[in-house]
Amino acid sequence: VQLQASGGGLVQAGDSLRLSCVASGRIFSSSFMGWFRQAPGKEREFVASLKWGGGGIYYADSVKGRFTISRDNAKNTVNLQMNSLNPEDTAVYYCTISQYTRGPPKYWGQGTLVTISS
């Protein structure tokens, strides 16, 4: 499986961004597709995921209420709508596929940089 993420960029605090990830290859319905991020000088952390076959959506506490993850099974795509962004959201965002709700991921995309200016 290959993952191709897009949608990163530079925005101001309070703005919104939408990330998208297209997967090539078969995704098992029991898999969890989602996003991790890595801020400068920090370890990679879970952001959000959903069960590909339906039935569960999960968020990190730090993004709950601001980020929304969604999927389009027909297009093998998962999206991350990010609202009310703040400088602490600055990170490289990675599209992932995991066996479990919050990882560890089995597959990683190439990452897309999100920078939030204050």
PDB file of N, CA and C in Angstrom:
ATOM      1  N   VAL A   1       0.842  -1.188   0.000  1.00  0.00           N
ATOM      2  CA  VAL A   1       0.000   0.000   0.000  1.00  0.00           C
ATOM      3  C   VAL A   1       0.880   1.241   0.000  1.00  0.00           C
ATOM      4  N   GLN A   2       0.545   2.188  -0.864  1.00  0.00           N
ATOM      5  CA  GLN A   2       1.242   3.478  -0.890  1.00  0.00           C
ATOM      6  C   GLN A   2       0.266   4.583  -0.553  1.00  0.00           C
ATOM      7  N   LEU A   3       0.746   5.560   0.192  1.00  0.00           N
ATOM      8  CA  LEU A   3      -0.096   6.658   0.654  1.00  0.00           C
ATOM      9  C   LEU A   3       0.462   7.978   0.140  1.00  0.00           C
ATOM     10  N   GLN A   4      -0.392   8.786  -0.437  1.00  0.00           N
ATOM     11  CA  GLN A   4       0.021  10.077  -0.991  1.00  0.00           C
ATOM     12  C   GLN A   4      -0.806  11.176  -0.336  1.00  0.00           C
ATOM     13  N   ALA A   5      -0.150  11.993   0.471  1.00  0.00           N
ATOM     14  CA  ALA A   5      -0.833  13.069   1.181  1.00  0.00           C
ATOM     15  C   ALA A   5      -0.651  14.394   0.468  1.00  0.00           C
ATOM     16  N   SER A   6      -1.612  15.274   0.642  1.00  0.00           N
ATOM     17  CA  SER A   6      -1.542  16.610   0.072  1.00  0.00           C
ATOM     18  C   SER A   6      -2.356  17.575   0.919  1.00  0.00           C
ATOM     19  N   GLY A   7      -2.135  18.884   0.680  1.00  0.00           N
ATOM     20  CA  GLY A   7      -2.971  19.883   1.329  1.00  0.00           C
ATOM     21  C   GLY A   7      -2.293  20.722   2.379  1.00  0.00           C
ATOM     22  N   GLY A   8      -1.031  20.441   2.691  1.00  0.00           N
ATOM     23  CA  GLY A   8      -0.341  21.242   3.684  1.00  0.00           C
ATOM     24  C   GLY A   8      -0.064  22.648   3.178  1.00  0.00           C
ATOM     25  N   GLY A   9       0.409  23.495   4.084  1.00  0.00           N
ATOM     26  CA  GLY A   9       0.734  24.852   3.685  1.00  0.00           C
ATOM     27  C   GLY A   9       0.956  25.736   4.890  1.00  0.00           C
ATOM     28  N   LEU A  10       1.057  27.039   4.606  1.00  0.00           N
ATOM     29  CA  LEU A  10       1.270  28.040   5.646  1.00  0.00           C
ATOM     30  C   LEU A  10       0.009  28.874   5.803  1.00  0.00           C
ATOM     31  N   VAL A  11      -0.528  28.892   7.012  1.00  0.00           N
ATOM     32  CA  VAL A  11      -1.719  29.690   7.293  1.00  0.00           C
ATOM     33  C   VAL A  11      -1.523  30.412   8.627  1.00  0.00           C
ATOM     34  N   GLN A  12      -2.436  31.316   8.913  1.00  0.00           N
ATOM     35  CA  GLN A  12      -2.377  32.048  10.177  1.00  0.00           C
ATOM     36  C   GLN A  12      -3.203  31.358  11.250  1.00  0.00           C
ATOM     37  N   ALA A  13      -2.890  31.668  12.487  1.00  0.00           N
ATOM     38  CA  ALA A  13      -3.658  31.121  13.604  1.00  0.00           C
ATOM     39  C   ALA A  13      -5.136  31.451  13.428  1.00  0.00           C
ATOM     40  N   GLY A  14      -5.973  30.461  13.672  1.00  0.00           N
ATOM     41  CA  GLY A  14      -7.406  30.629  13.514  1.00  0.00           C
ATOM     42  C   GLY A  14      -7.944  30.185  12.164  1.00  0.00           C
ATOM     43  N   ASP A  15      -7.047  29.999  11.207  1.00  0.00           N
ATOM     44  CA  ASP A  15      -7.454  29.573   9.867  1.00  0.00           C
ATOM     45  C   ASP A  15      -7.723  28.072   9.820  1.00  0.00           C
ATOM     46  N   SER A  16      -8.107  27.614   8.641  1.00  0.00           N
ATOM     47  CA  SER A  16      -8.404  26.200   8.421  1.00  0.00           C
ATOM     48  C   SER A  16      -7.565  25.646   7.278  1.00  0.00           C
ATOM     49  N   LEU A  17      -7.361  24.358   7.304  1.00  0.00           N
ATOM     50  CA  LEU A  17      -6.707  23.635   6.214  1.00  0.00           C
ATOM     51  C   LEU A  17      -7.362  22.264   6.098  1.00  0.00           C
ATOM     52  N   ARG A  18      -7.296  21.715   4.901  1.00  0.00           N
ATOM     53  CA  ARG A  18      -7.840  20.381   4.658  1.00  0.00           C
ATOM     54  C   ARG A  18      -6.748  19.517   4.042  1.00  0.00           C
ATOM     55  N   LEU A  19      -6.428  18.446   4.715  1.00  0.00           N
ATOM     56  CA  LEU A  19      -5.469  17.483   4.188  1.00  0.00           C
ATOM     57  C   LEU A  19      -6.211  16.317   3.553  1.00  0.00           C
ATOM     58  N   SER A  20      -5.629  15.770   2.511  1.00  0.00           N
ATOM     59  CA  SER A  20      -6.190  14.589   1.858  1.00  0.00           C
ATOM     60  C   SER A  20      -5.111  13.541   1.671  1.00  0.00           C
ATOM     61  N   CYS A  21      -5.528  12.303   1.658  1.00  0.00           N
ATOM     62  CA  CYS A  21      -4.592  11.195   1.457  1.00  0.00           C
ATOM     63  C   CYS A  21      -5.261  10.146   0.584  1.00  0.00           C
ATOM     64  N   VAL A  22      -4.583   9.801  -0.491  1.00  0.00           N
ATOM     65  CA  VAL A  22      -5.061   8.767  -1.390  1.00  0.00           C
ATOM     66  C   VAL A  22      -4.209   7.528  -1.202  1.00  0.00           C
ATOM     67  N   ALA A  23      -4.860   6.406  -1.047  1.00  0.00           N
ATOM     68  CA  ALA A  23      -4.157   5.141  -0.877  1.00  0.00           C
ATOM     69  C   ALA A  23      -4.252   4.321  -2.150  1.00  0.00           C
ATOM     70  N   SER A  24      -3.131   3.749  -2.538  1.00  0.00           N
ATOM     71  CA  SER A  24      -3.131   2.820  -3.671  1.00  0.00           C
ATOM     72  C   SER A  24      -2.931   1.425  -3.119  1.00  0.00           C
ATOM     73  N   GLY A  25      -3.766   0.517  -3.536  1.00  0.00           N
ATOM     74  CA  GLY A  25      -3.712  -0.825  -3.004  1.00  0.00           C
ATOM     75  C   GLY A  25      -4.918  -1.116  -2.139  1.00  0.00           C
ATOM     76  N   ARG A  26      -4.991  -2.342  -1.702  1.00  0.00           N
ATOM     77  CA  ARG A  26      -6.157  -2.766  -0.924  1.00  0.00           C
ATOM     78  C   ARG A  26      -6.020  -2.353   0.522  1.00  0.00           C
ATOM     79  N   ILE A  27      -7.114  -1.805   1.050  1.00  0.00           N
ATOM     80  CA  ILE A  27      -7.184  -1.468   2.470  1.00  0.00           C
ATOM     81  C   ILE A  27      -8.205  -2.398   3.109  1.00  0.00           C
ATOM     82  N   PHE A  28      -7.787  -3.132   4.085  1.00  0.00           N
ATOM     83  CA  PHE A  28      -8.690  -4.052   4.757  1.00  0.00           C
ATOM     84  C   PHE A  28      -9.702  -3.283   5.600  1.00  0.00           C
ATOM     85  N   SER A  29     -10.921  -3.773   5.645  1.00  0.00           N
ATOM     86  CA  SER A  29     -11.980  -3.078   6.375  1.00  0.00           C
ATOM     87  C   SER A  29     -11.669  -2.971   7.867  1.00  0.00           C
ATOM     88  N   SER A  30     -10.834  -3.842   8.370  1.00  0.00           N
ATOM     89  CA  SER A  30     -10.484  -3.812   9.793  1.00  0.00           C
ATOM     90  C   SER A  30      -9.343  -2.845  10.094  1.00  0.00           C
ATOM     91  N   SER A  31      -8.772  -2.255   9.066  1.00  0.00           N
ATOM     92  CA  SER A  31      -7.646  -1.329   9.250  1.00  0.00           C
ATOM     93  C   SER A  31      -8.136   0.037   9.697  1.00  0.00           C
ATOM     94  N   PHE A  32      -7.223   0.796  10.277  1.00  0.00           N
ATOM     95  CA  PHE A  32      -7.491   2.154  10.702  1.00  0.00           C
ATOM     96  C   PHE A  32      -6.622   3.091   9.874  1.00  0.00           C
ATOM     97  N   MET A  33      -7.265   3.940   9.140  1.00  0.00           N
ATOM     98  CA  MET A  33      -6.558   4.926   8.314  1.00  0.00           C
ATOM     99  C   MET A  33      -6.660   6.279   8.991  1.00  0.00           C
ATOM    100  N   GLY A  34      -5.571   7.009   9.004  1.00  0.00           N
ATOM    101  CA  GLY A  34      -5.631   8.272   9.722  1.00  0.00           C
ATOM    102  C   GLY A  34      -4.370   9.086   9.578  1.00  0.00           C
ATOM    103  N   TRP A  35      -4.064   9.855  10.612  1.00  0.00           N
ATOM    104  CA  TRP A  35      -2.974  10.817  10.565  1.00  0.00           C
ATOM    105  C   TRP A  35      -2.168  10.816  11.860  1.00  0.00           C
ATOM    106  N   PHE A  36      -0.870  10.916  11.689  1.00  0.00           N
ATOM    107  CA  PHE A  36       0.063  11.222  12.755  1.00  0.00           C
ATOM    108  C   PHE A  36       0.727  12.539  12.396  1.00  0.00           C
ATOM    109  N   ARG A  37       1.379  13.154  13.350  1.00  0.00           N
ATOM    110  CA  ARG A  37       2.137  14.367  13.076  1.00  0.00           C
ATOM    111  C   ARG A  37       3.405  14.404  13.907  1.00  0.00           C
ATOM    112  N   GLN A  38       4.362  15.175  13.406  1.00  0.00           N
ATOM    113  CA  GLN A  38       5.609  15.353  14.125  1.00  0.00           C
ATOM    114  C   GLN A  38       5.976  16.827  14.105  1.00  0.00           C
ATOM    115  N   ALA A  39       5.936  17.426  15.273  1.00  0.00           N
ATOM    116  CA  ALA A  39       6.324  18.828  15.417  1.00  0.00           C
ATOM    117  C   ALA A  39       7.840  18.919  15.558  1.00  0.00           C
ATOM    118  N   PRO A  40       8.414  20.075  15.256  1.00  0.00           N
ATOM    119  CA  PRO A  40       9.870  20.240  15.365  1.00  0.00           C
ATOM    120  C   PRO A  40      10.365  19.897  16.767  1.00  0.00           C
ATOM    121  N   GLY A  41      11.345  19.006  16.834  1.00  0.00           N
ATOM    122  CA  GLY A  41      11.938  18.635  18.105  1.00  0.00           C
ATOM    123  C   GLY A  41      11.116  17.701  18.958  1.00  0.00           C
ATOM    124  N   LYS A  42      10.019  17.199  18.415  1.00  0.00           N
ATOM    125  CA  LYS A  42       9.152  16.307  19.182  1.00  0.00           C
ATOM    126  C   LYS A  42       8.984  14.974  18.476  1.00  0.00           C
ATOM    127  N   GLU A  43       8.460  14.015  19.210  1.00  0.00           N
ATOM    128  CA  GLU A  43       8.208  12.703  18.632  1.00  0.00           C
ATOM    129  C   GLU A  43       6.907  12.726  17.835  1.00  0.00           C
ATOM    130  N   ARG A  44       6.787  11.777  16.963  1.00  0.00           N
ATOM    131  CA  ARG A  44       5.547  11.644  16.210  1.00  0.00           C
ATOM    132  C   ARG A  44       4.416  11.280  17.164  1.00  0.00           C
ATOM    133  N   GLU A  45       3.229  11.836  16.885  1.00  0.00           N
ATOM    134  CA  GLU A  45       2.087  11.582  17.756  1.00  0.00           C
ATOM    135  C   GLU A  45       0.831  11.329  16.932  1.00  0.00           C
ATOM    136  N   PHE A  46      -0.051  10.565  17.506  1.00  0.00           N
ATOM    137  CA  PHE A  46      -1.337  10.265  16.891  1.00  0.00           C
ATOM    138  C   PHE A  46      -2.194  11.516  16.821  1.00  0.00           C
ATOM    139  N   VAL A  47      -2.907  11.678  15.708  1.00  0.00           N
ATOM    140  CA  VAL A  47      -3.822  12.802  15.535  1.00  0.00           C
ATOM    141  C   VAL A  47      -5.269  12.320  15.451  1.00  0.00           C
ATOM    142  N   ALA A  48      -5.547  11.462  14.475  1.00  0.00           N
ATOM    143  CA  ALA A  48      -6.910  10.995  14.272  1.00  0.00           C
ATOM    144  C   ALA A  48      -6.900   9.741  13.413  1.00  0.00           C
ATOM    145  N   SER A  49      -7.932   8.932  13.565  1.00  0.00           N
ATOM    146  CA  SER A  49      -8.057   7.756  12.707  1.00  0.00           C
ATOM    147  C   SER A  49      -9.516   7.346  12.602  1.00  0.00           C
ATOM    148  N   LEU A  50      -9.789   6.549  11.595  1.00  0.00           N
ATOM    149  CA  LEU A  50     -11.107   5.963  11.453  1.00  0.00           C
ATOM    150  C   LEU A  50     -10.958   4.539  10.941  1.00  0.00           C
ATOM    151  N   LYS A  51     -11.938   3.722  11.299  1.00  0.00           N
ATOM    152  CA  LYS A  51     -11.928   2.341  10.831  1.00  0.00           C
ATOM    153  C   LYS A  51     -12.420   2.303   9.398  1.00  0.00           C
ATOM    154  N   TRP A  52     -11.629   1.729   8.531  1.00  0.00           N
ATOM    155  CA  TRP A  52     -11.929   1.786   7.109  1.00  0.00           C
ATOM    156  C   TRP A  52     -13.273   1.161   6.773  1.00  0.00           C
ATOM    157  N   GLY A  53     -13.621   0.109   7.469  1.00  0.00           N
ATOM    158  CA  GLY A  53     -14.891  -0.549   7.228  1.00  0.00           C
ATOM    159  C   GLY A  53     -16.058   0.109   7.948  1.00  0.00           C
ATOM    160  N   GLY A  54     -15.792   1.179   8.681  1.00  0.00           N
ATOM    161  CA  GLY A  54     -16.846   1.887   9.392  1.00  0.00           C
ATOM    162  C   GLY A  54     -16.940   1.463  10.847  1.00  0.00           C
ATOM    163  N   GLY A  55     -17.500   2.327  11.673  1.00  0.00           N
ATOM    164  CA  GLY A  55     -17.764   1.941  13.054  1.00  0.00           C
ATOM    165  C   GLY A  55     -16.931   2.627  14.104  1.00  0.00           C
ATOM    166  N   GLY A  56     -15.947   3.439  13.722  1.00  0.00           N
ATOM    167  CA  GLY A  56     -15.170   4.090  14.773  1.00  0.00           C
ATOM    168  C   GLY A  56     -14.342   5.238  14.250  1.00  0.00           C
ATOM    169  N   ILE A  57     -14.344   6.324  14.996  1.00  0.00           N
ATOM    170  CA  ILE A  57     -13.520   7.490  14.697  1.00  0.00           C
ATOM    171  C   ILE A  57     -12.845   7.911  15.999  1.00  0.00           C
ATOM    172  N   TYR A  58     -11.570   8.246  15.904  1.00  0.00           N
ATOM    173  CA  TYR A  58     -10.790   8.512  17.103  1.00  0.00           C
ATOM    174  C   TYR A  58      -9.955   9.769  16.914  1.00  0.00           C
ATOM    175  N   TYR A  59      -9.826  10.548  17.965  1.00  0.00           N
ATOM    176  CA  TYR A  59      -9.055  11.787  17.923  1.00  0.00           C
ATOM    177  C   TYR A  59      -8.145  11.895  19.140  1.00  0.00           C
ATOM    178  N   ALA A  60      -7.013  12.551  18.940  1.00  0.00           N
ATOM    179  CA  ALA A  60      -6.202  12.966  20.076  1.00  0.00           C
ATOM    180  C   ALA A  60      -6.947  14.071  20.816  1.00  0.00           C
ATOM    181  N   ASP A  61      -6.756  14.139  22.119  1.00  0.00           N
ATOM    182  CA  ASP A  61      -7.441  15.165  22.915  1.00  0.00           C
ATOM    183  C   ASP A  61      -7.101  16.569  22.426  1.00  0.00           C
ATOM    184  N   SER A  62      -5.885  16.739  21.936  1.00  0.00           N
ATOM    185  CA  SER A  62      -5.421  18.066  21.540  1.00  0.00           C
ATOM    186  C   SER A  62      -6.130  18.606  20.299  1.00  0.00           C
ATOM    187  N   VAL A  63      -6.773  17.735  19.528  1.00  0.00           N
ATOM    188  CA  VAL A  63      -7.432  18.193  18.299  1.00  0.00           C
ATOM    189  C   VAL A  63      -8.932  17.969  18.322  1.00  0.00           C
ATOM    190  N   LYS A  64      -9.429  17.300  19.345  1.00  0.00           N
ATOM    191  CA  LYS A  64     -10.851  16.992  19.421  1.00  0.00           C
ATOM    192  C   LYS A  64     -11.665  18.281  19.418  1.00  0.00           C
ATOM    193  N   GLY A  65     -12.688  18.319  18.588  1.00  0.00           N
ATOM    194  CA  GLY A  65     -13.528  19.501  18.476  1.00  0.00           C
ATOM    195  C   GLY A  65     -13.053  20.497  17.431  1.00  0.00           C
ATOM    196  N   ARG A  66     -11.817  20.334  16.953  1.00  0.00           N
ATOM    197  CA  ARG A  66     -11.271  21.239  15.929  1.00  0.00           C
ATOM    198  C   ARG A  66     -11.015  20.519  14.618  1.00  0.00           C
ATOM    199  N   PHE A  67     -10.627  19.258  14.694  1.00  0.00           N
ATOM    200  CA  PHE A  67     -10.306  18.470  13.501  1.00  0.00           C
ATOM    201  C   PHE A  67     -11.421  17.459  13.248  1.00  0.00           C
ATOM    202  N   THR A  68     -11.652  17.198  11.962  1.00  0.00           N
ATOM    203  CA  THR A  68     -12.636  16.200  11.571  1.00  0.00           C
ATOM    204  C   THR A  68     -12.031  15.299  10.510  1.00  0.00           C
ATOM    205  N   ILE A  69     -12.055  13.998  10.774  1.00  0.00           N
ATOM    206  CA  ILE A  69     -11.556  13.032   9.802  1.00  0.00           C
ATOM    207  C   ILE A  69     -12.733  12.402   9.085  1.00  0.00           C
ATOM    208  N   SER A  70     -12.573  12.173   7.785  1.00  0.00           N
ATOM    209  CA  SER A  70     -13.634  11.559   6.994  1.00  0.00           C
ATOM    210  C   SER A  70     -13.007  10.708   5.908  1.00  0.00           C
ATOM    211  N   ARG A  71     -13.829   9.899   5.268  1.00  0.00           N
ATOM    212  CA  ARG A  71     -13.284   9.003   4.243  1.00  0.00           C
ATOM    213  C   ARG A  71     -14.208   8.939   3.045  1.00  0.00           C
ATOM    214  N   ASP A  72     -13.627   8.550   1.934  1.00  0.00           N
ATOM    215  CA  ASP A  72     -14.370   8.255   0.709  1.00  0.00           C
ATOM    216  C   ASP A  72     -13.853   6.899   0.249  1.00  0.00           C
ATOM    217  N   ASN A  73     -14.592   5.863   0.597  1.00  0.00           N
ATOM    218  CA  ASN A  73     -14.126   4.508   0.288  1.00  0.00           C
ATOM    219  C   ASN A  73     -13.975   4.287  -1.212  1.00  0.00           C
ATOM    220  N   ALA A  74     -14.854   4.857  -1.993  1.00  0.00           N
ATOM    221  CA  ALA A  74     -14.808   4.649  -3.442  1.00  0.00           C
ATOM    222  C   ALA A  74     -13.526   5.204  -4.042  1.00  0.00           C
ATOM    223  N   LYS A  75     -12.994   6.273  -3.425  1.00  0.00           N
ATOM    224  CA  LYS A  75     -11.771   6.900  -3.930  1.00  0.00           C
ATOM    225  C   LYS A  75     -10.544   6.515  -3.116  1.00  0.00           C
ATOM    226  N   ASN A  76     -10.713   5.608  -2.154  1.00  0.00           N
ATOM    227  CA  ASN A  76      -9.601   5.220  -1.274  1.00  0.00           C
ATOM    228  C   ASN A  76      -8.926   6.442  -0.658  1.00  0.00           C
ATOM    229  N   THR A  77      -9.751   7.377  -0.198  1.00  0.00           N
ATOM    230  CA  THR A  77      -9.242   8.651   0.299  1.00  0.00           C
ATOM    231  C   THR A  77      -9.708   8.907   1.719  1.00  0.00           C
ATOM    232  N   VAL A  78      -8.812   9.478   2.521  1.00  0.00           N
ATOM    233  CA  VAL A  78      -9.174   9.965   3.837  1.00  0.00           C
ATOM    234  C   VAL A  78      -8.795  11.433   3.918  1.00  0.00           C
ATOM    235  N   ASN A  79      -9.652  12.217   4.524  1.00  0.00           N
ATOM    236  CA  ASN A  79      -9.445  13.653   4.636  1.00  0.00           C
ATOM    237  C   ASN A  79      -9.363  14.079   6.095  1.00  0.00           C
ATOM    238  N   LEU A  80      -8.658  15.159   6.327  1.00  0.00           N
ATOM    239  CA  LEU A  80      -8.577  15.738   7.670  1.00  0.00           C
ATOM    240  C   LEU A  80      -8.872  17.227   7.555  1.00  0.00           C
ATOM    241  N   GLN A  81     -10.052  17.620   8.010  1.00  0.00           N
ATOM    242  CA  GLN A  81     -10.412  19.026   8.037  1.00  0.00           C
ATOM    243  C   GLN A  81      -9.934  19.601   9.357  1.00  0.00           C
ATOM    244  N   MET A  82      -9.075  20.609   9.266  1.00  0.00           N
ATOM    245  CA  MET A  82      -8.471  21.200  10.464  1.00  0.00           C
ATOM    246  C   MET A  82      -8.938  22.637  10.603  1.00  0.00           C
ATOM    247  N   ASN A  83      -9.661  22.910  11.661  1.00  0.00           N
ATOM    248  CA  ASN A  83     -10.168  24.252  11.928  1.00  0.00           C
ATOM    249  C   ASN A  83      -9.529  24.844  13.179  1.00  0.00           C
ATOM    250  N   SER A  84      -9.655  26.132  13.326  1.00  0.00           N
ATOM    251  CA  SER A  84      -9.131  26.828  14.502  1.00  0.00           C
ATOM    252  C   SER A  84      -7.683  26.443  14.786  1.00  0.00           C
ATOM    253  N   LEU A  85      -6.893  26.481  13.739  1.00  0.00           N
ATOM    254  CA  LEU A  85      -5.495  26.080  13.871  1.00  0.00           C
ATOM    255  C   LEU A  85      -4.719  27.049  14.747  1.00  0.00           C
ATOM    256  N   ASN A  86      -3.768  26.520  15.483  1.00  0.00           N
ATOM    257  CA  ASN A  86      -2.893  27.347  16.310  1.00  0.00           C
ATOM    258  C   ASN A  86      -1.450  26.926  16.080  1.00  0.00           C
ATOM    259  N   PRO A  87      -0.497  27.752  16.509  1.00  0.00           N
ATOM    260  CA  PRO A  87       0.913  27.444  16.239  1.00  0.00           C
ATOM    261  C   PRO A  87       1.357  26.076  16.751  1.00  0.00           C
ATOM    262  N   GLU A  88       0.700  25.553  17.774  1.00  0.00           N
ATOM    263  CA  GLU A  88       1.058  24.227  18.307  1.00  0.00           C
ATOM    264  C   GLU A  88       0.689  23.107  17.338  1.00  0.00           C
ATOM    265  N   ASP A  89      -0.099  23.406  16.329  1.00  0.00           N
ATOM    266  CA  ASP A  89      -0.450  22.423  15.312  1.00  0.00           C
ATOM    267  C   ASP A  89       0.606  22.347  14.204  1.00  0.00           C
ATOM    268  N   THR A  90       1.594  23.217  14.252  1.00  0.00           N
ATOM    269  CA  THR A  90       2.662  23.188  13.262  1.00  0.00           C
ATOM    270  C   THR A  90       3.408  21.857  13.333  1.00  0.00           C
ATOM    271  N   ALA A  91       3.462  21.156  12.208  1.00  0.00           N
ATOM    272  CA  ALA A  91       4.075  19.825  12.190  1.00  0.00           C
ATOM    273  C   ALA A  91       4.069  19.297  10.765  1.00  0.00           C
ATOM    274  N   VAL A  92       4.817  18.229  10.582  1.00  0.00           N
ATOM    275  CA  VAL A  92       4.661  17.434   9.368  1.00  0.00           C
ATOM    276  C   VAL A  92       3.579  16.397   9.668  1.00  0.00           C
ATOM    277  N   TYR A  93       2.577  16.352   8.822  1.00  0.00           N
ATOM    278  CA  TYR A  93       1.457  15.439   8.995  1.00  0.00           C
ATOM    279  C   TYR A  93       1.633  14.244   8.057  1.00  0.00           C
ATOM    280  N   TYR A  94       1.486  13.064   8.643  1.00  0.00           N
ATOM    281  CA  TYR A  94       1.668  11.823   7.899  1.00  0.00           C
ATOM    282  C   TYR A  94       0.366  11.052   7.829  1.00  0.00           C
ATOM    283  N   CYS A  95       0.037  10.629   6.648  1.00  0.00           N
ATOM    284  CA  CYS A  95      -1.087   9.717   6.460  1.00  0.00           C
ATOM    285  C   CYS A  95      -0.620   8.311   6.829  1.00  0.00           C
ATOM    286  N   THR A  96      -1.460   7.575   7.521  1.00  0.00           N
ATOM    287  CA  THR A  96      -1.040   6.271   8.017  1.00  0.00           C
ATOM    288  C   THR A  96      -2.147   5.231   7.904  1.00  0.00           C
ATOM    289  N   ILE A  97      -1.740   3.995   7.909  1.00  0.00           N
ATOM    290  CA  ILE A  97      -2.654   2.867   8.038  1.00  0.00           C
ATOM    291  C   ILE A  97      -2.129   1.985   9.167  1.00  0.00           C
ATOM    292  N   SER A  98      -3.013   1.684  10.101  1.00  0.00           N
ATOM    293  CA  SER A  98      -2.624   0.925  11.285  1.00  0.00           C
ATOM    294  C   SER A  98      -3.555  -0.248  11.502  1.00  0.00           C
ATOM    295  N   GLN A  99      -3.079  -1.177  12.275  1.00  0.00           N
ATOM    296  CA  GLN A  99      -3.915  -2.307  12.664  1.00  0.00           C
ATOM    297  C   GLN A  99      -4.793  -1.937  13.858  1.00  0.00           C
ATOM    298  N   TYR A 100      -4.355  -0.953  14.640  1.00  0.00           N
ATOM    299  CA  TYR A 100      -5.059  -0.554  15.835  1.00  0.00           C
ATOM    300  C   TYR A 100      -5.478   0.909  15.746  1.00  0.00           C
ATOM    301  N   THR A 101      -6.377   1.334  16.659  1.00  0.00           N
ATOM    302  CA  THR A 101      -6.977   2.658  16.549  1.00  0.00           C
ATOM    303  C   THR A 101      -5.952   3.792  16.567  1.00  0.00           C
ATOM    304  N   ARG A 102      -4.950   3.690  17.442  1.00  0.00           N
ATOM    305  CA  ARG A 102      -3.980   4.777  17.593  1.00  0.00           C
ATOM    306  C   ARG A 102      -2.565   4.341  17.240  1.00  0.00           C
ATOM    307  N   GLY A 103      -2.478   3.399  16.330  1.00  0.00           N
ATOM    308  CA  GLY A 103      -1.178   2.934  15.864  1.00  0.00           C
ATOM    309  C   GLY A 103      -0.642   1.794  16.711  1.00  0.00           C
ATOM    310  N   PRO A 104       0.605   1.442  16.515  1.00  0.00           N
ATOM    311  CA  PRO A 104       1.568   2.079  15.607  1.00  0.00           C
ATOM    312  C   PRO A 104       1.244   1.776  14.146  1.00  0.00           C
ATOM    313  N   PRO A 105       1.514   2.741  13.269  1.00  0.00           N
ATOM    314  CA  PRO A 105       1.204   2.551  11.861  1.00  0.00           C
ATOM    315  C   PRO A 105       2.058   1.462  11.221  1.00  0.00           C
ATOM    316  N   LYS A 106       1.407   0.774  10.295  1.00  0.00           N
ATOM    317  CA  LYS A 106       2.104  -0.201   9.469  1.00  0.00           C
ATOM    318  C   LYS A 106       2.595   0.454   8.177  1.00  0.00           C
ATOM    319  N   TYR A 107       1.824   1.413   7.696  1.00  0.00           N
ATOM    320  CA  TYR A 107       2.177   2.138   6.479  1.00  0.00           C
ATOM    321  C   TYR A 107       2.192   3.644   6.772  1.00  0.00           C
ATOM    322  N   TRP A 108       3.162   4.324   6.164  1.00  0.00           N
ATOM    323  CA  TRP A 108       3.298   5.764   6.314  1.00  0.00           C
ATOM    324  C   TRP A 108       3.325   6.415   4.931  1.00  0.00           C
ATOM    325  N   GLY A 109       2.679   7.571   4.804  1.00  0.00           N
ATOM    326  CA  GLY A 109       2.835   8.394   3.626  1.00  0.00           C
ATOM    327  C   GLY A 109       4.079   9.256   3.765  1.00  0.00           C
ATOM    328  N   GLN A 110       4.305  10.116   2.785  1.00  0.00           N
ATOM    329  CA  GLN A 110       5.547  10.879   2.740  1.00  0.00           C
ATOM    330  C   GLN A 110       5.520  12.120   3.636  1.00  0.00           C
ATOM    331  N   GLY A 111       4.384  12.524   4.129  1.00  0.00           N
ATOM    332  CA  GLY A 111       4.292  13.691   4.995  1.00  0.00           C
ATOM    333  C   GLY A 111       4.008  14.965   4.226  1.00  0.00           C
ATOM    334  N   THR A 112       3.223  15.823   4.847  1.00  0.00           N
ATOM    335  CA  THR A 112       2.950  17.135   4.284  1.00  0.00           C
ATOM    336  C   THR A 112       3.080  18.164   5.407  1.00  0.00           C
ATOM    337  N   LEU A 113       3.777  19.266   5.120  1.00  0.00           N
ATOM    338  CA  LEU A 113       4.105  20.246   6.153  1.00  0.00           C
ATOM    339  C   LEU A 113       2.956  21.227   6.350  1.00  0.00           C
ATOM    340  N   VAL A 114       2.568  21.384   7.601  1.00  0.00           N
ATOM    341  CA  VAL A 114       1.573  22.375   7.997  1.00  0.00           C
ATOM    342  C   VAL A 114       2.249  23.360   8.939  1.00  0.00           C
ATOM    343  N   THR A 115       2.208  24.641   8.560  1.00  0.00           N
ATOM    344  CA  THR A 115       2.841  25.678   9.377  1.00  0.00           C
ATOM    345  C   THR A 115       1.803  26.726   9.728  1.00  0.00           C
ATOM    346  N   ILE A 116       1.687  26.987  11.015  1.00  0.00           N
ATOM    347  CA  ILE A 116       0.719  27.962  11.504  1.00  0.00           C
ATOM    348  C   ILE A 116       1.479  29.140  12.101  1.00  0.00           C
ATOM    349  N   SER A 117       1.254  30.314  11.546  1.00  0.00           N
ATOM    350  CA  SER A 117       1.914  31.510  12.072  1.00  0.00           C
ATOM    351  C   SER A 117       0.997  32.209  13.075  1.00  0.00           C
ATOM    352  N   SER A 118       1.607  32.805  14.064  1.00  0.00           N
ATOM    353  CA  SER A 118       0.824  33.484  15.114  1.00  0.00           C
ATOM    354  C   SER A 118       0.552  34.932  14.765  1.00  0.00           C
TER     355      SER A 118
END
